[in-house]
Amino acid sequence: MTQKHSITEQSLRGAGLGFRREMLNELKTGDLTGIDFFELAPENWLGLGGRYASDLRSFTERFNFVCHGLSLSIGSASELDTQLLRNIKGFMKHHNIRLYTEHLSWCSDDGHLYDLLPIPCTHEAVHWVADRIKQAQDILEMPIGIENASYYFAPEGAQMREEEFISAVVQASGCMLHLDVNNIYVNSQNFGFDAHDYLKALPLDKTCYLHVAGHYVEPDGFIVDTHGADVIDPVWELLKQAYQLIPHAAQVPTCLERDFNFPSLNQLQQELNHIKRLQSQAPKAPHTIISAAQ
């Protein structure tokens, strides 16, 4: 029987997986009944034709998808890439994708950089970023989700804690929160703060989407957010806490990020099943999520 997960037939929720070209052969032949949706980076698929375009279409016709951007550089001082946004809008319309998220970071300065860099947590930056998010939302004609990013140095001149900065940006822009629990854990270990206190300080009632992933620990203990390993217990615990704190947690989709060192599809589905078990333990809320993902 053909699987059918059209977003017009059911809301976006449950546990999903990154849609990677390296996994296409296995995805086309494997049992996908445990996968509720897929996530892709639109920059990696825009303008593709031929077999890859055909393969993608065959999946977007059957499954819900989320667009998670890599290069909008929402915190940059450079001009916002409005053409990229218009291209993404057309791509999302073509594939019936109704949720777009991006990192709260910057990655361009007279050209694109290879890293997602942190934004100084200042009042001026709040207004700058919020205005750019509003511009992006106006072009896409939908609210977007902004993700708390991992980082490896802290910019000088901070006027507030990062969780306060994120809350202020969400409030000023009217956007939603894309919550990445692994990024919280990585940053907390590298910079010495309490991940659970940080989580509780975020605007969790605005959460539209979640990420969970594995990481790599350097010999000196420094952690790199690689998405190339299994999720570890402390990150699972943080995800479990997030589900307990988000008012509408049972309705928020969660993506398992895996970018390389791919295990078998069966192993990935075991982690997806664990996400679903934690979701099932979330308090049931009588109201529905305020997002474009419905």
Protein backbone atom coordinates (compact mmCIF):
# COMPACT_ATOMS: atom_id res chain seq x y z
CA MET A 1 0.00 0.00 0.00
CA THR A 2 1.32 3.47 -0.87
CA GLN A 3 2.10 5.60 2.17
CA LYS A 4 0.23 8.90 2.25
CA HIS A 5 1.18 11.63 4.71
CA SER A 6 -0.06 14.70 2.83
CA ILE A 7 -0.02 17.85 4.91
CA THR A 8 -3.50 18.58 3.61
CA GLU A 9 -4.72 15.43 5.35
CA GLN A 10 -2.99 15.67 8.71
CA SER A 11 -1.16 18.27 10.70
CA LEU A 12 2.61 18.27 10.99
CA ARG A 13 3.59 16.49 14.18
CA GLY A 14 5.36 13.42 15.49
CA ALA A 15 8.97 12.43 14.78
CA GLY A 16 10.80 13.16 11.55
CA LEU A 17 14.15 12.71 9.86
CA GLY A 18 16.45 14.82 7.74
CA PHE A 19 16.02 14.13 4.02
CA ARG A 20 19.55 13.45 2.81
CA ARG A 21 20.62 12.53 -0.71
CA GLU A 22 23.09 10.04 0.79
CA MET A 23 20.13 8.09 2.20
CA LEU A 24 17.87 8.20 -0.86
CA ASN A 25 18.40 4.63 -1.99
CA GLU A 26 17.56 3.25 1.44
CA LEU A 27 14.62 5.62 1.85
CA LYS A 28 13.18 4.51 -1.50
CA THR A 29 13.32 0.82 -0.58
CA GLY A 30 12.98 0.80 3.22
CA ASP A 31 10.03 0.65 5.59
CA LEU A 32 9.17 4.28 6.39
CA THR A 33 6.08 3.71 8.51
CA GLY A 34 7.80 5.14 11.62
CA ILE A 35 8.73 8.43 9.93
CA ASP A 36 6.07 11.13 10.25
CA PHE A 37 7.80 13.81 8.18
CA PHE A 38 11.10 14.85 6.62
CA GLU A 39 13.21 17.98 6.91
CA LEU A 40 15.35 19.46 4.17
CA ALA A 41 17.59 22.47 3.64
CA PRO A 42 16.02 24.29 0.69
CA GLU A 43 19.40 25.65 -0.43
CA ASN A 44 20.46 22.05 -1.17
CA TRP A 45 17.47 21.39 -3.44
CA LEU A 46 16.63 24.70 -5.11
CA GLY A 47 17.10 24.55 -8.88
CA LEU A 48 17.84 20.83 -9.02
CA GLY A 49 16.40 18.94 -11.95
CA GLY A 50 16.57 15.40 -13.24
CA ARG A 51 16.54 12.38 -10.97
CA TYR A 52 16.99 14.28 -7.70
CA ALA A 53 14.06 16.58 -8.46
CA SER A 54 11.91 13.60 -9.38
CA ASP A 55 12.91 11.72 -6.23
CA LEU A 56 12.12 14.71 -4.03
CA ARG A 57 8.73 15.19 -5.65
CA SER A 58 7.86 11.55 -5.09
CA PHE A 59 8.44 12.06 -1.36
CA THR A 60 6.79 15.48 -0.94
CA GLU A 61 3.66 14.05 -2.57
CA ARG A 62 3.45 11.43 0.20
CA PHE A 63 5.02 13.00 3.28
CA ASN A 64 4.96 16.23 5.21
CA PHE A 65 8.18 18.25 4.85
CA VAL A 66 9.80 21.12 6.75
CA CYS A 67 12.24 23.63 5.26
CA HIS A 68 15.15 24.40 7.58
CA GLY A 69 17.36 27.10 6.11
CA LEU A 70 21.14 27.30 6.31
CA SER A 71 22.18 30.56 4.71
CA LEU A 72 19.67 33.37 5.29
CA SER A 73 22.13 34.92 7.78
CA ILE A 74 19.38 36.61 9.75
CA GLY A 75 21.85 38.35 12.10
CA SER A 76 24.20 39.70 9.44
CA ALA A 77 24.83 43.39 8.80
CA SER A 78 24.67 42.62 5.07
CA GLU A 79 21.48 43.16 3.09
CA LEU A 80 18.92 40.41 3.58
CA ASP A 81 18.88 37.93 0.68
CA THR A 82 15.35 38.61 -0.50
CA GLN A 83 15.86 36.69 -3.73
CA LEU A 84 16.70 33.57 -1.74
CA LEU A 85 13.49 34.05 0.24
CA ARG A 86 11.43 34.42 -2.94
CA ASN A 87 13.03 31.25 -4.32
CA ILE A 88 12.25 29.41 -1.11
CA LYS A 89 8.67 30.66 -1.18
CA GLY A 90 8.20 29.25 -4.68
CA PHE A 91 9.88 25.98 -3.69
CA MET A 92 7.63 25.60 -0.65
CA LYS A 93 4.52 26.31 -2.68
CA HIS A 94 5.56 23.76 -5.32
CA HIS A 95 6.08 21.06 -2.70
CA ASN A 96 3.23 22.09 -0.36
CA ILE A 97 5.60 22.80 2.54
CA ARG A 98 4.15 25.00 5.27
CA LEU A 99 6.91 25.54 7.81
CA TYR A 100 10.24 27.34 7.37
CA THR A 101 12.81 27.80 10.12
CA GLU A 102 16.28 29.37 10.29
CA HIS A 103 19.14 29.79 12.74
CA LEU A 104 19.43 32.79 15.02
CA SER A 105 22.95 33.48 13.77
CA TRP A 106 24.85 35.04 10.89
CA CYS A 107 26.93 33.43 8.16
CA SER A 108 27.66 36.12 5.57
CA ASP A 109 29.94 39.12 5.17
CA ASP A 110 30.50 40.06 1.54
CA GLY A 111 29.91 36.41 0.71
CA HIS A 112 28.84 33.31 2.60
CA LEU A 113 30.96 31.84 5.39
CA TYR A 114 31.22 28.23 6.40
CA ASP A 115 30.06 28.67 9.99
CA LEU A 116 26.93 29.81 11.77
CA LEU A 117 28.23 32.58 14.03
CA PRO A 118 26.66 33.98 17.20
CA ILE A 119 24.96 37.37 17.40
CA PRO A 120 25.93 39.81 20.20
CA CYS A 121 23.14 39.80 22.78
CA THR A 122 22.43 43.54 22.76
CA HIS A 123 19.27 45.62 22.62
CA GLU A 124 20.34 47.03 19.26
CA ALA A 125 20.75 43.52 17.88
CA VAL A 126 17.27 42.58 19.07
CA HIS A 127 15.71 45.35 16.98
CA TRP A 128 17.97 44.67 13.99
CA VAL A 129 17.24 40.94 13.92
CA ALA A 130 13.53 41.38 14.62
CA ASP A 131 13.17 43.78 11.69
CA ARG A 132 14.90 41.29 9.37
CA ILE A 133 12.69 38.45 10.58
CA LYS A 134 9.62 40.61 9.92
CA GLN A 135 10.92 41.28 6.42
CA ALA A 136 11.40 37.56 5.83
CA GLN A 137 7.93 36.79 7.15
CA ASP A 138 6.39 39.43 4.89
CA ILE A 139 8.06 37.89 1.82
CA LEU A 140 7.15 34.31 2.76
CA GLU A 141 3.68 35.38 3.93
CA MET A 142 3.92 33.20 7.02
CA PRO A 143 5.49 33.25 10.48
CA ILE A 144 8.86 31.51 10.61
CA GLY A 145 10.67 29.62 13.35
CA ILE A 146 14.02 30.84 14.67
CA GLU A 147 16.42 28.26 16.12
CA ASN A 148 18.73 28.70 19.09
CA ALA A 149 22.13 27.92 17.58
CA SER A 150 25.27 26.23 18.85
CA TYR A 151 28.34 28.47 19.05
CA TYR A 152 32.01 28.19 19.92
CA PHE A 153 32.82 31.68 21.16
CA ALA A 154 30.76 34.31 22.96
CA PRO A 155 30.73 37.81 21.40
CA GLU A 156 31.78 40.66 23.66
CA GLY A 157 29.45 43.43 24.81
CA ALA A 158 26.47 41.31 25.82
CA GLN A 159 23.74 43.29 27.56
CA MET A 160 21.57 40.29 28.40
CA ARG A 161 21.75 36.52 28.64
CA GLU A 162 21.22 34.58 25.42
CA GLU A 163 17.90 33.13 26.56
CA GLU A 164 16.69 36.68 27.26
CA PHE A 165 17.91 37.75 23.83
CA ILE A 166 16.02 34.94 22.13
CA SER A 167 12.85 35.78 24.06
CA ALA A 168 13.15 39.45 23.11
CA VAL A 169 13.65 38.63 19.42
CA VAL A 170 10.64 36.30 19.37
CA GLN A 171 8.46 38.91 21.06
CA ALA A 172 9.61 41.83 18.90
CA SER A 173 9.33 39.97 15.59
CA GLY A 174 6.25 37.87 16.15
CA CYS A 175 8.14 34.79 14.98
CA MET A 176 8.08 31.33 16.54
CA LEU A 177 10.74 29.37 18.41
CA HIS A 178 12.55 26.47 16.79
CA LEU A 179 13.98 24.73 19.85
CA ASP A 180 17.16 22.67 19.50
CA VAL A 181 17.86 20.80 22.74
CA ASN A 182 21.22 19.44 21.60
CA ASN A 183 22.43 22.98 20.91
CA ILE A 184 21.47 23.96 24.44
CA TYR A 185 23.38 20.99 25.85
CA VAL A 186 26.47 21.62 23.71
CA ASN A 187 26.63 25.29 24.67
CA SER A 188 25.97 24.56 28.34
CA GLN A 189 28.89 22.13 28.50
CA ASN A 190 31.26 24.35 26.56
CA PHE A 191 30.41 27.56 28.42
CA GLY A 192 29.42 26.30 31.85
CA PHE A 193 25.75 27.13 32.39
CA ASP A 194 22.77 25.05 33.50
CA ALA A 195 20.96 23.68 30.44
CA HIS A 196 17.70 23.08 32.29
CA ASP A 197 17.54 26.61 33.69
CA TYR A 198 18.29 27.98 30.23
CA LEU A 199 15.50 25.88 28.73
CA LYS A 200 12.95 27.09 31.27
CA ALA A 201 13.78 30.73 30.47
CA LEU A 202 12.91 30.43 26.77
CA PRO A 203 9.49 31.43 25.32
CA LEU A 204 8.40 27.80 25.11
CA ASP A 205 4.77 28.69 24.46
CA LYS A 206 5.95 29.92 21.03
CA THR A 207 7.64 26.63 20.12
CA CYS A 208 6.72 25.39 16.63
CA TYR A 209 9.45 22.80 16.03
CA LEU A 210 12.20 20.85 17.80
CA HIS A 211 15.58 19.37 16.92
CA VAL A 212 17.45 16.61 18.71
CA ALA A 213 20.85 15.29 17.61
CA GLY A 214 24.14 13.73 18.55
CA HIS A 215 27.52 15.47 18.80
CA TYR A 216 31.25 14.84 19.07
CA VAL A 217 33.40 15.31 22.17
CA GLU A 218 36.99 16.41 21.55
CA PRO A 219 39.79 14.80 23.63
CA ASP A 220 39.93 17.95 25.80
CA GLY A 221 36.18 17.75 26.49
CA PHE A 222 35.09 20.49 24.11
CA ILE A 223 31.90 19.51 22.28
CA VAL A 224 31.23 20.02 18.57
CA ASP A 225 27.66 19.97 17.25
CA THR A 226 28.27 17.51 14.41
CA HIS A 227 24.94 15.66 14.00
CA GLY A 228 27.06 12.62 13.29
CA ALA A 229 26.40 10.39 16.30
CA ASP A 230 23.60 8.89 18.38
CA VAL A 231 21.73 11.11 20.82
CA ILE A 232 23.13 10.74 24.36
CA ASP A 233 21.12 10.37 27.57
CA PRO A 234 21.54 13.95 28.91
CA VAL A 235 20.15 15.32 25.63
CA TRP A 236 17.24 12.88 25.79
CA GLU A 237 16.58 14.12 29.33
CA LEU A 238 16.58 17.72 28.10
CA LEU A 239 14.11 16.80 25.36
CA LYS A 240 11.92 15.07 27.93
CA GLN A 241 11.94 18.21 30.06
CA ALA A 242 11.07 20.33 27.03
CA TYR A 243 8.03 18.16 26.35
CA GLN A 244 6.92 18.66 29.94
CA LEU A 245 7.29 22.44 29.74
CA ILE A 246 5.92 23.25 26.27
CA PRO A 247 2.16 23.78 26.67
CA HIS A 248 1.32 22.08 23.36
CA ALA A 249 4.25 19.63 23.25
CA ALA A 250 2.26 16.69 21.89
CA GLN A 251 1.49 18.74 18.78
CA VAL A 252 5.03 19.97 18.07
CA PRO A 253 7.03 18.03 15.45
CA THR A 254 10.53 16.89 16.42
CA CYS A 255 13.26 16.16 13.89
CA LEU A 256 16.17 13.80 14.50
CA GLU A 257 19.19 15.41 12.83
CA ARG A 258 21.75 13.10 11.28
CA ASP A 259 24.10 14.62 8.71
CA PHE A 260 26.81 11.95 8.27
CA ASN A 261 28.04 8.64 9.75
CA PHE A 262 24.63 7.32 8.81
CA PRO A 263 23.60 4.13 10.61
CA SER A 264 20.97 1.82 9.15
CA LEU A 265 17.46 3.13 8.69
CA ASN A 266 16.37 0.65 11.34
CA GLN A 267 18.74 2.21 13.89
CA LEU A 268 17.50 5.69 13.06
CA GLN A 269 13.93 4.50 13.50
CA GLN A 270 14.80 3.30 16.98
CA GLU A 271 15.73 6.87 17.90
CA LEU A 272 12.55 8.13 16.25
CA ASN A 273 10.58 5.66 18.34
CA HIS A 274 12.24 7.01 21.47
CA ILE A 275 11.18 10.53 20.48
CA LYS A 276 7.62 9.28 20.16
CA ARG A 277 7.74 7.61 23.56
CA LEU A 278 8.82 10.88 25.16
CA GLN A 279 6.15 12.78 23.21
CA SER A 280 3.49 10.38 24.48
CA GLN A 281 4.44 11.33 28.05
CA ALA A 282 3.86 15.05 27.43
CA PRO A 283 0.88 16.67 29.19
CA LYS A 284 -2.12 16.95 26.90
CA ALA A 285 -3.20 20.52 26.20
CA PRO A 286 -6.74 21.49 25.15
CA HIS A 287 -5.60 24.18 22.71
CA THR A 288 -3.76 23.86 19.39
CA ILE A 289 -0.32 25.06 18.42
CA ILE A 290 -0.09 28.57 16.98
CA SER A 291 1.98 27.90 13.91
CA ALA A 292 2.00 27.69 10.16
CA ALA A 293 2.59 23.97 10.46
CA GLN A 294 -1.09 23.07 10.83
